Amino acid sequence: MLNQQGDLKTNPAISVVTSSCVGVTRSESCESERREFVLLAPLGTEVPSELGRLTADRASHSKLLADVQRLRGRIYSEDGAIDPKTLTIDGRHVQAVDNQSWHIVALGADGTVQGCIRYSPYDKNVRFEHLGAAASALSQSANHQVRHAIENEIAIAREKQVGFAEVGGWALGPALRSSTAALDMLLLAFALIERLGGSLGVSTATVRHGSASILQRMGLRPLEFEGSELPAYYDPQYKCEMQILRFDSSAPNPKYSNRLRNFEAQLSNLRVLCASNVESAIPMTYAMAA
């Protein structure tokens, strides 16, 4: 589930410089907002050597992932999107796909997690039922349409010889609302996906708070079945209106091309945090996410 709160400012110019801290990049807007982005690699993954500087630290990886899950738990439960009873005893929103995913994490000046987004790549033989979108309310009520639309996207990805993925787990804390953080994380996600080989995929986004509209401004589009867009739908699990969107990491909105290139230029200098010392220039493969 994607969830973003507050309005988005897109006018402030962003300059990005490399950071020598655990964070991978630092963004500064004309409003002097400062934040650092950290990349968490999937467990056991092979990180291409050209991606950036690798830091292997299982304890730090586990702690930061727990902080990400705790932020999601707090934001989602405060928003009424999930029942607090579904969280762990320490308030974490844990999903099985977390360990097989890349996480882009925004840190504040004090080092606390203030925002996050998740990129979950799948094996080339992924099937519809393996996806989180398959469990959506729309998939339950219009299973044939959703299945057909997503299987068509998977087939296109295979033809293009790129991966298939889901983007989700998006949450912003109060400190980053009404800032460029939401857009920055999306741009960094697109840059990362392209560096990892490119991908087609889907994202299930909330309509409230403008999450779905922000994604569409980035270039995502509603799923289509027989030439017609699948509409937004009410999801009783998350108690809000949602929409399943499709994306192609190679085709973001040209409006953001300059800012995207700015982030792409930083990828070789990123410090990537992983749980173990696994590094390779061989293209990555992933196990199926549960």
C-alpha atoms as a PDB file:
ATOM      1  CA  MET A   1       0.000   0.000   0.000  1.00  0.00           C
ATOM      2  CA  LEU A   2       1.204   3.473  -0.817  1.00  0.00           C
ATOM      3  CA  ASN A   3       0.340   6.156   1.655  1.00  0.00           C
ATOM      4  CA  GLN A   4       1.493   9.787   1.626  1.00  0.00           C
ATOM      5  CA  GLN A   5       0.157  12.573   3.771  1.00  0.00           C
ATOM      6  CA  GLY A   6       0.114  16.321   3.213  1.00  0.00           C
ATOM      7  CA  ASP A   7       0.544  18.501   0.161  1.00  0.00           C
ATOM      8  CA  LEU A   8       3.464  18.306  -2.242  1.00  0.00           C
ATOM      9  CA  LYS A   9       5.569  21.275  -3.273  1.00  0.00           C
ATOM     10  CA  THR A  10       7.279  20.847  -6.627  1.00  0.00           C
ATOM     11  CA  ASN A  11       8.743  24.305  -7.287  1.00  0.00           C
ATOM     12  CA  PRO A  12      11.790  24.476  -4.939  1.00  0.00           C
ATOM     13  CA  ALA A  13      14.997  23.670  -6.789  1.00  0.00           C
ATOM     14  CA  ILE A  14      16.884  20.645  -5.502  1.00  0.00           C
ATOM     15  CA  SER A  15      20.639  20.356  -5.393  1.00  0.00           C
ATOM     16  CA  VAL A  16      22.070  16.983  -4.471  1.00  0.00           C
ATOM     17  CA  VAL A  17      25.515  16.320  -3.069  1.00  0.00           C
ATOM     18  CA  THR A  18      27.043  13.103  -1.858  1.00  0.00           C
ATOM     19  CA  SER A  19      27.076  12.398   1.849  1.00  0.00           C
ATOM     20  CA  SER A  20      29.872  10.798   3.819  1.00  0.00           C
ATOM     21  CA  CYS A  21      27.386   9.555   6.428  1.00  0.00           C
ATOM     22  CA  VAL A  22      25.447   6.294   6.341  1.00  0.00           C
ATOM     23  CA  GLY A  23      22.881   8.131   4.205  1.00  0.00           C
ATOM     24  CA  VAL A  24      23.340   7.940   0.492  1.00  0.00           C
ATOM     25  CA  THR A  25      22.414  11.416  -0.692  1.00  0.00           C
ATOM     26  CA  ARG A  26      21.560  14.729   0.840  1.00  0.00           C
ATOM     27  CA  SER A  27      18.935  17.050  -0.637  1.00  0.00           C
ATOM     28  CA  GLU A  28      18.657  20.740   0.089  1.00  0.00           C
ATOM     29  CA  SER A  29      15.748  22.870  -1.080  1.00  0.00           C
ATOM     30  CA  CYS A  30      15.666  26.653  -1.265  1.00  0.00           C
ATOM     31  CA  GLU A  31      13.739  26.448   2.015  1.00  0.00           C
ATOM     32  CA  SER A  32      16.887  24.951   3.636  1.00  0.00           C
ATOM     33  CA  GLU A  33      15.171  21.619   4.225  1.00  0.00           C
ATOM     34  CA  ARG A  34      17.814  18.956   4.751  1.00  0.00           C
ATOM     35  CA  ARG A  35      17.399  15.223   4.601  1.00  0.00           C
ATOM     36  CA  GLU A  36      19.472  12.167   3.861  1.00  0.00           C
ATOM     37  CA  PHE A  37      18.456   9.120   1.867  1.00  0.00           C
ATOM     38  CA  VAL A  38      19.608   5.627   2.777  1.00  0.00           C
ATOM     39  CA  LEU A  39      19.255   2.572   0.550  1.00  0.00           C
ATOM     40  CA  LEU A  40      18.476  -0.730   2.267  1.00  0.00           C
ATOM     41  CA  ALA A  41      19.267  -3.712   0.042  1.00  0.00           C
ATOM     42  CA  PRO A  42      17.178  -6.915   0.044  1.00  0.00           C
ATOM     43  CA  LEU A  43      18.455  -9.723   2.244  1.00  0.00           C
ATOM     44  CA  GLY A  44      21.008 -11.924   0.488  1.00  0.00           C
ATOM     45  CA  THR A  45      20.984  -9.903  -2.713  1.00  0.00           C
ATOM     46  CA  GLU A  46      23.902  -9.389  -5.042  1.00  0.00           C
ATOM     47  CA  VAL A  47      24.560  -5.657  -5.229  1.00  0.00           C
ATOM     48  CA  PRO A  48      26.109  -4.584  -8.553  1.00  0.00           C
ATOM     49  CA  SER A  49      29.514  -3.032  -7.923  1.00  0.00           C
ATOM     50  CA  GLU A  50      28.653   0.006 -10.039  1.00  0.00           C
ATOM     51  CA  LEU A  51      25.658   0.913  -7.897  1.00  0.00           C
ATOM     52  CA  GLY A  52      27.655   2.525  -5.128  1.00  0.00           C
ATOM     53  CA  ARG A  53      29.671   2.005  -1.970  1.00  0.00           C
ATOM     54  CA  LEU A  54      28.472  -1.020  -0.036  1.00  0.00           C
ATOM     55  CA  THR A  55      28.289  -1.135   3.755  1.00  0.00           C
ATOM     56  CA  ALA A  56      27.625  -4.590   5.206  1.00  0.00           C
ATOM     57  CA  ASP A  57      26.225  -4.385   8.718  1.00  0.00           C
ATOM     58  CA  ARG A  58      23.471  -6.799   9.712  1.00  0.00           C
ATOM     59  CA  ALA A  59      22.649  -5.036  12.975  1.00  0.00           C
ATOM     60  CA  SER A  60      22.344  -1.612  11.359  1.00  0.00           C
ATOM     61  CA  HIS A  61      20.301  -3.040   8.480  1.00  0.00           C
ATOM     62  CA  SER A  62      17.895  -4.753  10.886  1.00  0.00           C
ATOM     63  CA  LYS A  63      17.515  -1.662  13.056  1.00  0.00           C
ATOM     64  CA  LEU A  64      16.845   0.669  10.156  1.00  0.00           C
ATOM     65  CA  LEU A  65      14.325  -1.721   8.596  1.00  0.00           C
ATOM     66  CA  ALA A  66      12.561  -1.972  11.966  1.00  0.00           C
ATOM     67  CA  ASP A  67      12.446   1.835  12.168  1.00  0.00           C
ATOM     68  CA  VAL A  68      10.916   1.941   8.660  1.00  0.00           C
ATOM     69  CA  GLN A  69       8.265  -0.571   9.696  1.00  0.00           C
ATOM     70  CA  ARG A  70       7.599   1.408  12.864  1.00  0.00           C
ATOM     71  CA  LEU A  71       7.087   4.626  10.882  1.00  0.00           C
ATOM     72  CA  ARG A  72       4.657   2.866   8.556  1.00  0.00           C
ATOM     73  CA  GLY A  73       2.809   1.413  11.528  1.00  0.00           C
ATOM     74  CA  ARG A  74       2.413   4.809  13.165  1.00  0.00           C
ATOM     75  CA  ILE A  75       1.398   6.682   9.984  1.00  0.00           C
ATOM     76  CA  TYR A  76      -1.006   4.035   8.717  1.00  0.00           C
ATOM     77  CA  SER A  77      -2.709   3.465  12.059  1.00  0.00           C
ATOM     78  CA  GLU A  78      -3.065   7.199  12.772  1.00  0.00           C
ATOM     79  CA  ASP A  79      -4.624   7.562   9.336  1.00  0.00           C
ATOM     80  CA  GLY A  80      -7.104   4.779  10.043  1.00  0.00           C
ATOM     81  CA  ALA A  81      -5.749   2.713   7.139  1.00  0.00           C
ATOM     82  CA  ILE A  82      -4.894  -0.287   9.324  1.00  0.00           C
ATOM     83  CA  ASP A  83      -6.041  -1.691  12.644  1.00  0.00           C
ATOM     84  CA  PRO A  84      -3.386  -1.061  15.345  1.00  0.00           C
ATOM     85  CA  LYS A  85      -3.990  -4.650  16.468  1.00  0.00           C
ATOM     86  CA  THR A  86      -2.274  -5.841  13.268  1.00  0.00           C
ATOM     87  CA  LEU A  87       1.023  -4.237  14.324  1.00  0.00           C
ATOM     88  CA  THR A  88       3.761  -5.997  16.244  1.00  0.00           C
ATOM     89  CA  ILE A  89       4.049  -5.386  19.974  1.00  0.00           C
ATOM     90  CA  ASP A  90       6.599  -2.641  19.281  1.00  0.00           C
ATOM     91  CA  GLY A  91       4.346  -0.942  16.708  1.00  0.00           C
ATOM     92  CA  ARG A  92       5.864  -2.217  13.475  1.00  0.00           C
ATOM     93  CA  HIS A  93       3.914  -2.726  10.223  1.00  0.00           C
ATOM     94  CA  VAL A  94       5.635  -5.886   8.972  1.00  0.00           C
ATOM     95  CA  GLN A  95       5.049  -7.411   5.541  1.00  0.00           C
ATOM     96  CA  ALA A  96       6.700 -10.556   4.200  1.00  0.00           C
ATOM     97  CA  VAL A  97       7.892  -8.721   1.102  1.00  0.00           C
ATOM     98  CA  ASP A  98       9.994  -6.304   3.189  1.00  0.00           C
ATOM     99  CA  ASN A  99      12.998  -8.621   3.343  1.00  0.00           C
ATOM    100  CA  GLN A 100      13.024  -9.156  -0.432  1.00  0.00           C
ATOM    101  CA  SER A 101      12.758  -5.448  -1.233  1.00  0.00           C
ATOM    102  CA  TRP A 102      14.821  -2.320  -1.681  1.00  0.00           C
ATOM    103  CA  HIS A 103      13.859   0.466   0.717  1.00  0.00           C
ATOM    104  CA  ILE A 104      14.586   4.142   0.131  1.00  0.00           C
ATOM    105  CA  VAL A 105      14.652   5.757   3.556  1.00  0.00           C
ATOM    106  CA  ALA A 106      14.614   9.481   4.312  1.00  0.00           C
ATOM    107  CA  LEU A 107      16.407  10.473   7.505  1.00  0.00           C
ATOM    108  CA  GLY A 108      16.093  13.735   9.372  1.00  0.00           C
ATOM    109  CA  ALA A 109      19.031  15.729  10.729  1.00  0.00           C
ATOM    110  CA  ASP A 110      18.754  13.764  13.982  1.00  0.00           C
ATOM    111  CA  GLY A 111      19.002  10.428  12.169  1.00  0.00           C
ATOM    112  CA  THR A 112      15.384   9.410  12.699  1.00  0.00           C
ATOM    113  CA  VAL A 113      13.369   7.824   9.902  1.00  0.00           C
ATOM    114  CA  GLN A 114      10.979  10.396   8.454  1.00  0.00           C
ATOM    115  CA  GLY A 115       9.932   8.796   5.193  1.00  0.00           C
ATOM    116  CA  CYS A 116      10.188   5.602   3.161  1.00  0.00           C
ATOM    117  CA  ILE A 117       9.201   3.855  -0.062  1.00  0.00           C
ATOM    118  CA  ARG A 118       9.686   0.228  -1.111  1.00  0.00           C
ATOM    119  CA  TYR A 119      10.662  -1.323  -4.455  1.00  0.00           C
ATOM    120  CA  SER A 120       9.917  -5.062  -4.648  1.00  0.00           C
ATOM    121  CA  PRO A 121      11.387  -6.840  -7.716  1.00  0.00           C
ATOM    122  CA  TYR A 122      10.123 -10.294  -8.625  1.00  0.00           C
ATOM    123  CA  ASP A 123      11.528 -13.345 -10.329  1.00  0.00           C
ATOM    124  CA  LYS A 124      11.089 -13.388 -14.116  1.00  0.00           C
ATOM    125  CA  ASN A 125       8.577 -16.218 -13.733  1.00  0.00           C
ATOM    126  CA  VAL A 126       6.344 -14.289 -11.341  1.00  0.00           C
ATOM    127  CA  ARG A 127       2.635 -15.047 -11.536  1.00  0.00           C
ATOM    128  CA  PHE A 128      -0.330 -12.839 -10.685  1.00  0.00           C
ATOM    129  CA  GLU A 129      -1.060 -14.659  -7.430  1.00  0.00           C
ATOM    130  CA  HIS A 130       2.441 -13.853  -6.124  1.00  0.00           C
ATOM    131  CA  LEU A 131       1.736 -10.110  -6.170  1.00  0.00           C
ATOM    132  CA  GLY A 132       0.429  -7.967  -3.365  1.00  0.00           C
ATOM    133  CA  ALA A 133      -2.045  -6.464  -5.848  1.00  0.00           C
ATOM    134  CA  ALA A 134      -3.682  -9.898  -6.137  1.00  0.00           C
ATOM    135  CA  ALA A 135      -4.953  -9.495  -2.570  1.00  0.00           C
ATOM    136  CA  SER A 136      -6.581  -6.111  -3.217  1.00  0.00           C
ATOM    137  CA  ALA A 137     -10.328  -5.636  -2.892  1.00  0.00           C
ATOM    138  CA  LEU A 138     -10.540  -4.862  -6.615  1.00  0.00           C
ATOM    139  CA  SER A 139      -8.849  -8.165  -7.430  1.00  0.00           C
ATOM    140  CA  GLN A 140     -11.427  -9.943  -5.304  1.00  0.00           C
ATOM    141  CA  SER A 141     -14.424  -8.206  -6.890  1.00  0.00           C
ATOM    142  CA  ALA A 142     -13.148  -7.993 -10.476  1.00  0.00           C
ATOM    143  CA  ASN A 143     -10.557 -10.750 -10.461  1.00  0.00           C
ATOM    144  CA  HIS A 144     -10.720 -11.526 -14.173  1.00  0.00           C
ATOM    145  CA  GLN A 145     -10.175  -7.913 -15.202  1.00  0.00           C
ATOM    146  CA  VAL A 146      -7.330  -7.232 -12.772  1.00  0.00           C
ATOM    147  CA  ARG A 147      -5.626 -10.556 -13.479  1.00  0.00           C
ATOM    148  CA  HIS A 148      -5.838 -10.018 -17.236  1.00  0.00           C
ATOM    149  CA  ALA A 149      -4.521  -6.446 -16.983  1.00  0.00           C
ATOM    150  CA  ILE A 150      -1.564  -7.362 -14.755  1.00  0.00           C
ATOM    151  CA  GLU A 151      -0.702 -10.524 -16.681  1.00  0.00           C
ATOM    152  CA  ASN A 152      -0.589  -8.373 -19.803  1.00  0.00           C
ATOM    153  CA  GLU A 153       1.922  -6.052 -18.085  1.00  0.00           C
ATOM    154  CA  ILE A 154       4.009  -9.070 -17.031  1.00  0.00           C
ATOM    155  CA  ALA A 155       3.985 -10.337 -20.637  1.00  0.00           C
ATOM    156  CA  ILE A 156       5.144  -6.932 -21.916  1.00  0.00           C
ATOM    157  CA  ALA A 157       7.983  -6.924 -19.362  1.00  0.00           C
ATOM    158  CA  ARG A 158       9.128 -10.333 -20.601  1.00  0.00           C
ATOM    159  CA  GLU A 159       9.029  -9.139 -24.203  1.00  0.00           C
ATOM    160  CA  LYS A 160      11.136  -6.114 -23.268  1.00  0.00           C
ATOM    161  CA  GLN A 161      13.431  -8.368 -21.214  1.00  0.00           C
ATOM    162  CA  VAL A 162      13.072  -6.221 -18.108  1.00  0.00           C
ATOM    163  CA  GLY A 163      11.890  -7.096 -14.646  1.00  0.00           C
ATOM    164  CA  PHE A 164       8.474  -6.824 -13.056  1.00  0.00           C
ATOM    165  CA  ALA A 165       7.961  -5.237  -9.663  1.00  0.00           C
ATOM    166  CA  GLU A 166       5.660  -3.547  -7.192  1.00  0.00           C
ATOM    167  CA  VAL A 167       6.252  -0.173  -5.553  1.00  0.00           C
ATOM    168  CA  GLY A 168       4.641   0.394  -2.171  1.00  0.00           C
ATOM    169  CA  GLY A 169       5.243   0.970   1.518  1.00  0.00           C
ATOM    170  CA  TRP A 170       5.228   4.738   0.997  1.00  0.00           C
ATOM    171  CA  ALA A 171       4.901   6.845   4.139  1.00  0.00           C
ATOM    172  CA  LEU A 172       5.880  10.365   5.168  1.00  0.00           C
ATOM    173  CA  GLY A 173       6.145  11.607   8.727  1.00  0.00           C
ATOM    174  CA  PRO A 174       5.014  15.116   9.747  1.00  0.00           C
ATOM    175  CA  ALA A 175       8.479  16.627   9.249  1.00  0.00           C
ATOM    176  CA  LEU A 176       8.428  15.853   5.513  1.00  0.00           C
ATOM    177  CA  ARG A 177       4.863  16.758   4.668  1.00  0.00           C
ATOM    178  CA  SER A 178       4.461  19.848   2.494  1.00  0.00           C
ATOM    179  CA  SER A 179       7.996  19.273   1.205  1.00  0.00           C
ATOM    180  CA  THR A 180       9.685  17.850  -1.873  1.00  0.00           C
ATOM    181  CA  ALA A 181      10.373  14.556  -0.069  1.00  0.00           C
ATOM    182  CA  ALA A 182       7.572  12.589  -1.735  1.00  0.00           C
ATOM    183  CA  LEU A 183       8.747  13.525  -5.213  1.00  0.00           C
ATOM    184  CA  ASP A 184      12.411  13.054  -4.302  1.00  0.00           C
ATOM    185  CA  MET A 185      11.789   9.482  -3.142  1.00  0.00           C
ATOM    186  CA  LEU A 186       9.874   8.643  -6.305  1.00  0.00           C
ATOM    187  CA  LEU A 187      12.612  10.097  -8.503  1.00  0.00           C
ATOM    188  CA  LEU A 188      15.286   8.213  -6.604  1.00  0.00           C
ATOM    189  CA  ALA A 189      13.211   5.032  -6.908  1.00  0.00           C
ATOM    190  CA  PHE A 190      12.972   5.459 -10.700  1.00  0.00           C
ATOM    191  CA  ALA A 191      16.717   6.126 -10.924  1.00  0.00           C
ATOM    192  CA  LEU A 192      17.485   3.039  -8.824  1.00  0.00           C
ATOM    193  CA  ILE A 193      15.160   0.781 -10.811  1.00  0.00           C
ATOM    194  CA  GLU A 194      16.733   1.870 -14.090  1.00  0.00           C
ATOM    195  CA  ARG A 195      20.243   1.305 -12.720  1.00  0.00           C
ATOM    196  CA  LEU A 196      19.213  -2.206 -11.678  1.00  0.00           C
ATOM    197  CA  GLY A 197      18.088  -3.017 -15.212  1.00  0.00           C
ATOM    198  CA  GLY A 198      14.695  -1.376 -15.543  1.00  0.00           C
ATOM    199  CA  SER A 199      11.247  -2.667 -14.743  1.00  0.00           C
ATOM    200  CA  LEU A 200       7.575  -2.578 -15.467  1.00  0.00           C
ATOM    201  CA  GLY A 201       5.257  -2.961 -12.533  1.00  0.00           C
ATOM    202  CA  VAL A 202       2.241  -1.928 -10.522  1.00  0.00           C
ATOM    203  CA  SER A 203       1.544   0.125  -7.437  1.00  0.00           C
ATOM    204  CA  THR A 204      -1.555   0.123  -5.241  1.00  0.00           C
ATOM    205  CA  ALA A 205      -2.032   3.689  -4.035  1.00  0.00           C
ATOM    206  CA  THR A 206      -4.488   5.544  -1.839  1.00  0.00           C
ATOM    207  CA  VAL A 207      -6.576   8.258  -3.445  1.00  0.00           C
ATOM    208  CA  ARG A 208      -6.827  10.319  -0.268  1.00  0.00           C
ATOM    209  CA  HIS A 209      -3.929  12.641   0.514  1.00  0.00           C
ATOM    210  CA  GLY A 210      -3.170  12.738  -3.212  1.00  0.00           C
ATOM    211  CA  SER A 211      -0.923   9.655  -3.325  1.00  0.00           C
ATOM    212  CA  ALA A 212      -2.429   8.259  -6.530  1.00  0.00           C
ATOM    213  CA  SER A 213      -2.451  11.678  -8.208  1.00  0.00           C
ATOM    214  CA  ILE A 214       1.217  12.306  -7.329  1.00  0.00           C
ATOM    215  CA  LEU A 215       2.153   8.964  -8.861  1.00  0.00           C
ATOM    216  CA  GLN A 216       0.198   9.774 -12.013  1.00  0.00           C
ATOM    217  CA  ARG A 217       2.015  13.104 -12.258  1.00  0.00           C
ATOM    218  CA  MET A 218       5.225  11.067 -12.241  1.00  0.00           C
ATOM    219  CA  GLY A 219       4.009   9.062 -15.231  1.00  0.00           C
ATOM    220  CA  LEU A 220       2.159   6.109 -13.715  1.00  0.00           C
ATOM    221  CA  ARG A 221      -1.142   5.197 -15.360  1.00  0.00           C
ATOM    222  CA  PRO A 222      -4.241   3.218 -14.312  1.00  0.00           C
ATOM    223  CA  LEU A 223      -4.395  -0.432 -15.301  1.00  0.00           C
ATOM    224  CA  GLU A 224      -6.410  -1.092 -18.441  1.00  0.00           C
ATOM    225  CA  PHE A 225      -8.729  -3.947 -19.373  1.00  0.00           C
ATOM    226  CA  GLU A 226      -9.893  -4.217 -22.992  1.00  0.00           C
ATOM    227  CA  GLY A 227      -8.998  -0.580 -23.622  1.00  0.00           C
ATOM    228  CA  SER A 228     -10.735   0.855 -20.555  1.00  0.00           C
ATOM    229  CA  GLU A 229      -9.056   2.095 -17.388  1.00  0.00           C
ATOM    230  CA  LEU A 230      -9.845   0.184 -14.224  1.00  0.00           C
ATOM    231  CA  PRO A 231     -11.451   2.652 -11.800  1.00  0.00           C
ATOM    232  CA  ALA A 232     -10.508   3.535  -8.258  1.00  0.00           C
ATOM    233  CA  TYR A 233     -12.218   1.323  -5.677  1.00  0.00           C
ATOM    234  CA  TYR A 234     -13.028   1.270  -1.982  1.00  0.00           C
ATOM    235  CA  ASP A 235     -10.857  -1.122   0.004  1.00  0.00           C
ATOM    236  CA  PRO A 236     -12.524  -2.157   3.295  1.00  0.00           C
ATOM    237  CA  GLN A 237      -9.201  -3.472   4.640  1.00  0.00           C
ATOM    238  CA  TYR A 238      -7.607  -0.026   4.453  1.00  0.00           C
ATOM    239  CA  LYS A 239     -10.905   1.882   4.792  1.00  0.00           C
ATOM    240  CA  CYS A 240     -10.213   4.201   1.879  1.00  0.00           C
ATOM    241  CA  GLU A 241     -10.454   4.616  -1.867  1.00  0.00           C
ATOM    242  CA  MET A 242      -7.507   3.129  -3.757  1.00  0.00           C
ATOM    243  CA  GLN A 243      -6.260   2.647  -7.286  1.00  0.00           C
ATOM    244  CA  ILE A 244      -3.922   0.170  -8.962  1.00  0.00           C
ATOM    245  CA  LEU A 245      -1.466   1.980 -11.236  1.00  0.00           C
ATOM    246  CA  ARG A 246       1.066   0.628 -13.723  1.00  0.00           C
ATOM    247  CA  PHE A 247       4.536   2.006 -14.402  1.00  0.00           C
ATOM    248  CA  ASP A 248       7.475   1.750 -16.748  1.00  0.00           C
ATOM    249  CA  SER A 249      10.695   2.910 -15.098  1.00  0.00           C
ATOM    250  CA  SER A 250      12.075   3.983 -18.491  1.00  0.00           C
ATOM    251  CA  ALA A 251       9.174   6.364 -19.145  1.00  0.00           C
ATOM    252  CA  PRO A 252       8.695   8.848 -16.295  1.00  0.00           C
ATOM    253  CA  ASN A 253       7.043  12.208 -16.895  1.00  0.00           C
ATOM    254  CA  PRO A 254       9.502  14.269 -19.027  1.00  0.00           C
ATOM    255  CA  LYS A 255       8.660  17.261 -16.833  1.00  0.00           C
ATOM    256  CA  TYR A 256      10.968  15.830 -14.177  1.00  0.00           C
ATOM    257  CA  SER A 257      13.791  14.724 -16.496  1.00  0.00           C
ATOM    258  CA  ASN A 258      16.325  17.258 -15.197  1.00  0.00           C
ATOM    259  CA  ARG A 259      15.702  16.379 -11.569  1.00  0.00           C
ATOM    260  CA  LEU A 260      15.768  12.674 -12.413  1.00  0.00           C
ATOM    261  CA  ARG A 261      19.158  13.038 -14.106  1.00  0.00           C
ATOM    262  CA  ASN A 262      20.377  14.792 -10.980  1.00  0.00           C
ATOM    263  CA  PHE A 263      19.516  11.727  -8.915  1.00  0.00           C
ATOM    264  CA  GLU A 264      20.849   9.311 -11.535  1.00  0.00           C
ATOM    265  CA  ALA A 265      24.214  11.086 -11.380  1.00  0.00           C
ATOM    266  CA  GLN A 266      24.448  10.313  -7.670  1.00  0.00           C
ATOM    267  CA  LEU A 267      23.883   6.565  -7.906  1.00  0.00           C
ATOM    268  CA  SER A 268      27.545   5.655  -8.339  1.00  0.00           C
ATOM    269  CA  ASN A 269      28.343   7.450  -5.092  1.00  0.00           C
ATOM    270  CA  LEU A 270      25.583   5.916  -3.010  1.00  0.00           C
ATOM    271  CA  ARG A 271      26.377   4.060   0.166  1.00  0.00           C
ATOM    272  CA  VAL A 272      24.142   0.991   0.203  1.00  0.00           C
ATOM    273  CA  LEU A 273      23.389  -0.708   3.513  1.00  0.00           C
ATOM    274  CA  CYS A 274      22.991  -4.476   3.369  1.00  0.00           C
ATOM    275  CA  ALA A 275      22.766  -7.248   5.938  1.00  0.00           C
ATOM    276  CA  SER A 276      25.749  -9.265   4.692  1.00  0.00           C
ATOM    277  CA  ASN A 277      28.821  -8.780   2.543  1.00  0.00           C
ATOM    278  CA  VAL A 278      27.384  -9.839  -0.821  1.00  0.00           C
ATOM    279  CA  GLU A 279      28.632  -7.887  -3.818  1.00  0.00           C
ATOM    280  CA  SER A 280      28.756  -8.754  -7.498  1.00  0.00           C
ATOM    281  CA  ALA A 281      28.595  -7.199 -10.936  1.00  0.00           C
ATOM    282  CA  ILE A 282      26.330 -10.073 -12.035  1.00  0.00           C
ATOM    283  CA  PRO A 283      22.701  -9.007 -12.640  1.00  0.00           C
ATOM    284  CA  MET A 284      20.554  -9.661  -9.597  1.00  0.00           C
ATOM    285  CA  THR A 285      17.894 -12.345  -9.261  1.00  0.00           C
ATOM    286  CA  TYR A 286      15.276 -12.543  -6.556  1.00  0.00           C
ATOM    287  CA  ALA A 287      13.218 -15.173  -4.858  1.00  0.00           C
ATOM    288  CA  MET A 288       9.453 -14.846  -5.070  1.00  0.00           C
ATOM    289  CA  ALA A 289       7.987 -12.517  -2.481  1.00  0.00           C
ATOM    290  CA  ALA A 290       5.322 -14.027  -0.296  1.00  0.00           C
END
